[in-house]
């Protein structure tokens, strides 16, 4: 459980004047606030990797995660952000549990997430997909009606595949849920294992959403997606730091530490080629459209 004074600071950061009720309305309120207030980024992880820090990767301890977020605006990747949301929701009285899945549906357990049970029904609140709305996990196919925060869920093989919009990908990316529940020790082990294999080990990745735009920094590219279009612009080092400060919300002190680690220079390197190139399957809505035209 998180300490009361820390929870008060977190809720203030999320723009919530009081703790939400532990029901579906409260879950919708706190998850939307999270999606619009907390970035998804690899800043602390890159600093640790590039400086040779041999201790645990930063953020897997929820209190440390929140103190960095509150003091410097940086969050983390899926394992620390999922653990942090789980501990916050549990402290607030929600029936939450950590889970894990395979991003890209590769069969490799590579992704942490959170499920909340309300009145016997499960809802996914994911800190990487940032779908704005909790996703229902039932035996029925679900397709969100929010164009910008597109997401779909289908039940298959006694589990769920969740499809999410991750710019600049043109199509929705699948994530198969595999481990339910997962422990903190499992999260810590998977997070440490990501030192050797992760898309977030080489170059900057930072995402911050608003209600009308998804903003992503990948390497030195700035990607902005709205309901109508997606634009990509290359940034120089100064512009990249400005975007981190003014758009993602990272403190000047942490940006300076990021620069000293060499992570800014590394972000201008070509993107590493994936070890395995696959063509993901189509999401349920696209499969339905294709079937209708045959």
Protein backbone atom coordinates (compact mmCIF):
# COMPACT_ATOMS: atom_id res chain seq x y z
CA UNK A 1 0.00 0.00 0.00
CA UNK A 2 1.21 3.49 -0.84
CA UNK A 3 1.49 6.02 1.94
CA UNK A 4 -1.39 8.47 2.29
CA UNK A 5 0.64 11.62 1.70
CA UNK A 6 2.09 10.14 -1.51
CA UNK A 7 -1.37 9.16 -2.76
CA UNK A 8 -2.53 12.72 -2.18
CA UNK A 9 0.32 14.05 -4.32
CA UNK A 10 -0.39 11.49 -7.05
CA UNK A 11 -4.07 12.39 -7.21
CA UNK A 12 -3.13 16.07 -7.43
CA UNK A 13 -0.82 15.24 -10.35
CA UNK A 14 -3.71 13.38 -12.02
CA UNK A 15 -6.01 16.36 -11.54
CA UNK A 16 -8.38 14.48 -9.23
CA UNK A 17 -9.57 16.62 -6.29
CA UNK A 18 -10.48 13.56 -4.20
CA UNK A 19 -10.00 9.78 -4.32
CA UNK A 20 -12.29 8.14 -6.90
CA UNK A 21 -14.92 5.66 -5.78
CA UNK A 22 -13.88 2.02 -6.22
CA UNK A 23 -16.48 1.36 -8.91
CA UNK A 24 -16.63 1.53 -12.70
CA UNK A 25 -17.25 5.27 -12.73
CA UNK A 26 -14.24 5.81 -10.48
CA UNK A 27 -12.09 3.49 -12.58
CA UNK A 28 -13.00 5.36 -15.74
CA UNK A 29 -12.11 8.66 -14.07
CA UNK A 30 -8.72 7.64 -12.71
CA UNK A 31 -7.66 5.74 -15.84
CA UNK A 32 -8.55 8.64 -18.14
CA UNK A 33 -6.63 10.96 -15.82
CA UNK A 34 -3.63 8.62 -15.95
CA UNK A 35 -3.69 8.43 -19.77
CA UNK A 36 -3.75 12.22 -20.05
CA UNK A 37 -1.29 13.01 -17.23
CA UNK A 38 1.35 10.28 -17.12
CA UNK A 39 3.76 9.73 -20.02
CA UNK A 40 5.13 6.41 -21.21
CA UNK A 41 8.89 6.79 -21.58
CA UNK A 42 12.25 5.07 -21.30
CA UNK A 43 14.21 8.04 -19.97
CA UNK A 44 15.18 6.62 -16.56
CA UNK A 45 15.87 3.21 -18.10
CA UNK A 46 18.16 4.64 -20.78
CA UNK A 47 20.11 6.62 -18.19
CA UNK A 48 20.61 3.48 -16.10
CA UNK A 49 21.68 1.38 -19.07
CA UNK A 50 24.06 3.95 -20.53
CA UNK A 51 25.72 4.79 -17.20
CA UNK A 52 26.25 1.12 -16.35
CA UNK A 53 24.08 1.19 -13.22
CA UNK A 54 24.20 -2.40 -11.94
CA UNK A 55 21.34 -1.98 -9.48
CA UNK A 56 17.72 -2.86 -10.25
CA UNK A 57 16.33 -0.98 -13.24
CA UNK A 58 14.57 2.18 -12.03
CA UNK A 59 10.88 2.37 -11.27
CA UNK A 60 9.92 -1.17 -10.30
CA UNK A 61 9.49 0.10 -6.73
CA UNK A 62 6.22 2.03 -6.85
CA UNK A 63 7.20 4.70 -4.32
CA UNK A 64 10.41 5.44 -6.23
CA UNK A 65 8.46 5.49 -9.48
CA UNK A 66 6.00 8.07 -8.18
CA UNK A 67 8.65 10.26 -6.60
CA UNK A 68 10.47 10.47 -9.95
CA UNK A 69 7.20 11.19 -11.76
CA UNK A 70 6.23 13.93 -9.31
CA UNK A 71 9.68 15.52 -9.13
CA UNK A 72 10.84 15.13 -12.74
CA UNK A 73 7.84 14.21 -14.94
CA UNK A 74 9.31 10.89 -16.12
CA UNK A 75 7.43 7.61 -15.77
CA UNK A 76 8.73 4.39 -17.33
CA UNK A 77 8.03 1.46 -19.62
CA UNK A 78 5.37 -1.23 -19.19
CA UNK A 79 6.67 -3.13 -16.15
CA UNK A 80 7.20 -0.16 -13.79
CA UNK A 81 4.16 1.80 -14.98
CA UNK A 82 1.85 -1.22 -14.67
CA UNK A 83 3.16 -2.02 -11.20
CA UNK A 84 2.73 1.61 -10.14
CA UNK A 85 -0.87 1.79 -11.38
CA UNK A 86 -1.66 -1.56 -9.74
CA UNK A 87 -0.38 -0.34 -6.38
CA UNK A 88 -2.26 2.96 -6.65
CA UNK A 89 -5.54 1.25 -7.55
CA UNK A 90 -5.11 -1.32 -4.79
CA UNK A 91 -4.41 1.42 -2.25
CA UNK A 92 -7.60 3.19 -3.37
CA UNK A 93 -9.68 0.07 -2.75
CA UNK A 94 -10.01 -1.36 -6.27
CA UNK A 95 -9.79 -5.13 -6.79
CA UNK A 96 -6.77 -5.01 -9.10
CA UNK A 97 -4.18 -7.53 -10.21
CA UNK A 98 -1.00 -7.49 -12.23
CA UNK A 99 -0.99 -9.50 -15.45
CA UNK A 100 1.42 -10.03 -18.35
CA UNK A 101 1.15 -10.68 -22.05
CA UNK A 102 2.95 -10.80 -25.37
CA UNK A 103 3.11 -7.50 -27.23
CA UNK A 104 2.93 -8.26 -30.92
CA UNK A 105 1.59 -11.72 -30.06
CA UNK A 106 5.05 -13.23 -30.54
CA UNK A 107 4.67 -15.81 -27.75
CA UNK A 108 7.32 -14.03 -25.64
CA UNK A 109 6.04 -12.59 -22.36
CA UNK A 110 7.12 -9.01 -22.91
CA UNK A 111 4.38 -6.78 -21.54
CA UNK A 112 2.90 -5.89 -18.17
CA UNK A 113 -0.66 -4.65 -17.65
CA UNK A 114 -3.42 -4.39 -15.05
CA UNK A 115 -6.89 -5.88 -14.72
CA UNK A 116 -9.52 -4.52 -12.35
CA UNK A 117 -12.55 -6.60 -11.35
CA UNK A 118 -15.78 -4.72 -10.67
CA UNK A 119 -19.04 -6.52 -9.91
CA UNK A 120 -17.57 -9.72 -11.30
CA UNK A 121 -16.48 -8.15 -14.59
CA UNK A 122 -12.86 -7.66 -15.68
CA UNK A 123 -11.54 -4.40 -17.16
CA UNK A 124 -8.10 -3.83 -18.66
CA UNK A 125 -6.35 -0.57 -17.79
CA UNK A 126 -3.07 -0.52 -19.68
CA UNK A 127 -0.31 2.01 -19.04
CA UNK A 128 1.41 1.49 -22.40
CA UNK A 129 -1.55 1.26 -24.76
CA UNK A 130 -3.11 4.30 -23.00
CA UNK A 131 -6.55 3.58 -24.45
CA UNK A 132 -8.20 6.35 -22.35
CA UNK A 133 -11.14 4.06 -21.61
CA UNK A 134 -10.97 0.80 -19.60
CA UNK A 135 -11.41 -2.15 -21.95
CA UNK A 136 -13.97 -4.87 -21.09
CA UNK A 137 -12.64 -8.43 -21.06
CA UNK A 138 -15.59 -10.64 -21.94
CA UNK A 139 -16.28 -13.38 -24.47
CA UNK A 140 -17.70 -10.78 -26.85
CA UNK A 141 -15.59 -8.83 -29.35
CA UNK A 142 -15.23 -5.20 -28.29
CA UNK A 143 -14.43 -2.30 -30.63
CA UNK A 144 -13.96 1.16 -29.13
CA UNK A 145 -15.88 3.97 -30.78
CA UNK A 146 -13.13 6.55 -30.12
CA UNK A 147 -11.21 7.10 -33.37
CA UNK A 148 -8.11 8.60 -31.80
CA UNK A 149 -7.92 6.08 -28.97
CA UNK A 150 -8.75 3.07 -31.12
CA UNK A 151 -8.73 -0.29 -29.36
CA UNK A 152 -10.30 -3.70 -29.85
CA UNK A 153 -10.55 -6.86 -27.75
CA UNK A 154 -11.34 -10.38 -28.87
CA UNK A 155 -11.68 -13.61 -26.90
CA UNK A 156 -9.77 -16.57 -28.29
CA UNK A 157 -8.21 -19.77 -26.96
CA UNK A 158 -9.51 -19.02 -23.45
CA UNK A 159 -7.72 -15.68 -23.27
CA UNK A 160 -7.92 -12.23 -24.86
CA UNK A 161 -6.03 -10.45 -27.62
CA UNK A 162 -6.07 -6.70 -27.14
CA UNK A 163 -5.47 -4.53 -30.22
CA UNK A 164 -4.12 -1.03 -29.68
CA UNK A 165 -3.08 2.02 -31.67
CA UNK A 166 0.63 2.77 -31.23
CA UNK A 167 1.79 5.57 -33.56
CA UNK A 168 3.45 5.59 -36.03
CA UNK A 169 2.20 2.06 -36.81
CA UNK A 170 -0.47 2.15 -39.49
CA UNK A 171 -2.39 -0.83 -38.11
CA UNK A 172 -3.49 -1.85 -34.62
CA UNK A 173 -0.91 -3.95 -32.75
CA UNK A 174 -2.01 -7.15 -30.97
CA UNK A 175 -1.14 -8.13 -27.42
CA UNK A 176 -2.14 -11.58 -26.18
CA UNK A 177 -2.76 -11.84 -22.43
CA UNK A 178 -0.85 -14.85 -21.07
CA UNK A 179 -0.06 -14.61 -17.35
CA UNK A 180 -2.91 -13.89 -14.94
CA UNK A 181 -2.19 -13.06 -12.19
CA UNK A 182 1.46 -12.00 -12.07
CA UNK A 183 3.48 -11.20 -8.97
CA UNK A 184 5.76 -8.27 -8.26
CA UNK A 185 8.71 -10.69 -8.33
CA UNK A 186 7.66 -11.81 -11.83
CA UNK A 187 7.48 -8.18 -12.96
CA UNK A 188 10.92 -7.45 -11.52
CA UNK A 189 12.41 -10.51 -13.23
CA UNK A 190 10.87 -9.64 -16.61
CA UNK A 191 11.97 -6.02 -16.29
CA UNK A 192 15.56 -7.06 -15.56
CA UNK A 193 15.42 -9.53 -18.48
CA UNK A 194 14.55 -6.60 -20.76
CA UNK A 195 18.16 -5.38 -20.40
CA UNK A 196 19.11 -7.80 -23.15
CA UNK A 197 16.03 -7.59 -25.35
CA UNK A 198 13.72 -4.59 -25.58
CA UNK A 199 12.74 -1.92 -28.14
CA UNK A 200 13.44 0.66 -25.41
CA UNK A 201 17.16 0.05 -24.83
CA UNK A 202 18.82 2.05 -27.59
CA UNK A 203 17.03 5.31 -28.39
CA UNK A 204 14.55 7.69 -26.83
CA UNK A 205 10.89 6.73 -26.70
CA UNK A 206 8.45 9.09 -25.00
CA UNK A 207 4.70 9.41 -25.42
CA UNK A 208 2.30 11.93 -23.91
CA UNK A 209 -1.36 12.11 -24.90
CA UNK A 210 -3.98 14.84 -24.79
CA UNK A 211 -7.65 14.42 -25.57
CA UNK A 212 -7.09 15.57 -29.15
CA UNK A 213 -3.57 14.35 -29.95
CA UNK A 214 -1.10 11.55 -29.40
CA UNK A 215 2.46 12.85 -29.27
CA UNK A 216 5.39 10.42 -29.57
CA UNK A 217 9.14 11.00 -29.66
CA UNK A 218 11.04 8.07 -31.18
CA UNK A 219 14.73 8.67 -31.58
CA UNK A 220 14.83 12.21 -32.95
CA UNK A 221 11.44 11.96 -34.70
CA UNK A 222 8.41 13.83 -33.40
CA UNK A 223 5.16 12.08 -34.34
CA UNK A 224 1.81 13.75 -33.74
CA UNK A 225 -1.46 11.95 -34.46
CA UNK A 226 -4.95 13.44 -34.40
CA UNK A 227 -8.33 12.22 -35.62
CA UNK A 228 -7.51 13.54 -39.07
CA UNK A 229 -3.79 13.03 -39.72
CA UNK A 230 -0.39 11.92 -38.54
CA UNK A 231 2.63 14.17 -39.01
CA UNK A 232 6.30 13.28 -38.60
CA UNK A 233 9.06 15.85 -38.11
CA UNK A 234 12.78 15.36 -37.51
CA UNK A 235 14.24 17.33 -34.59
CA UNK A 236 17.76 18.49 -33.86
CA UNK A 237 19.24 17.94 -30.39
CA UNK A 238 18.09 21.30 -29.05
CA UNK A 239 14.55 20.82 -30.37
CA UNK A 240 14.45 17.31 -28.94
CA UNK A 241 15.30 18.59 -25.48
CA UNK A 242 12.71 21.36 -25.82
CA UNK A 243 10.04 18.84 -26.75
CA UNK A 244 10.96 16.66 -23.79
CA UNK A 245 10.61 19.64 -21.49
CA UNK A 246 7.64 21.48 -22.96
CA UNK A 247 5.55 18.66 -24.46
CA UNK A 248 6.39 15.52 -22.48
CA UNK A 249 6.89 17.43 -19.22
CA UNK A 250 10.37 16.26 -18.20
CA UNK A 251 12.30 18.42 -15.73
CA UNK A 252 15.36 20.35 -16.82
CA UNK A 253 17.47 18.49 -14.26
CA UNK A 254 16.54 15.07 -15.63
CA UNK A 255 17.06 16.23 -19.22
CA UNK A 256 20.59 17.32 -18.28
CA UNK A 257 21.22 13.89 -16.74
CA UNK A 258 19.81 12.30 -19.90
CA UNK A 259 22.19 14.37 -22.02
CA UNK A 260 25.22 13.53 -19.86
CA UNK A 261 24.49 9.82 -20.22
CA UNK A 262 24.86 10.11 -24.00
CA UNK A 263 21.23 9.15 -24.62
CA UNK A 264 20.53 12.24 -26.72
CA UNK A 265 23.35 11.41 -29.13
CA UNK A 266 22.26 7.76 -29.24
CA UNK A 267 18.76 8.83 -30.22
CA UNK A 268 20.12 10.05 -33.55
CA UNK A 269 21.47 6.60 -34.45
CA UNK A 270 19.53 4.55 -37.00
CA UNK A 271 16.80 2.41 -35.51
CA UNK A 272 18.07 -1.12 -34.82
CA UNK A 273 16.61 -3.76 -37.09
CA UNK A 274 14.25 -6.18 -35.33
CA UNK A 275 15.63 -9.67 -34.81
CA UNK A 276 12.46 -11.15 -36.26
CA UNK A 277 10.35 -9.38 -38.87
CA UNK A 278 6.71 -10.49 -38.81
CA UNK A 279 3.48 -9.31 -40.35
CA UNK A 280 0.91 -9.05 -37.54
CA UNK A 281 -2.60 -10.33 -38.21
CA UNK A 282 -5.46 -7.94 -38.85
CA UNK A 283 -7.64 -6.61 -36.05
CA UNK A 284 -11.26 -7.87 -35.83
CA UNK A 285 -12.82 -4.77 -37.40
CA UNK A 286 -10.47 -4.87 -40.39
CA UNK A 287 -11.05 -8.59 -40.88
CA UNK A 288 -14.80 -7.92 -40.92
CA UNK A 289 -14.39 -5.16 -43.51
CA UNK A 290 -12.21 -7.35 -45.72
CA UNK A 291 -14.70 -10.21 -45.49
CA UNK A 292 -17.55 -7.89 -46.48
CA UNK A 293 -15.77 -6.93 -49.71
CA UNK A 294 -15.07 -10.50 -50.80
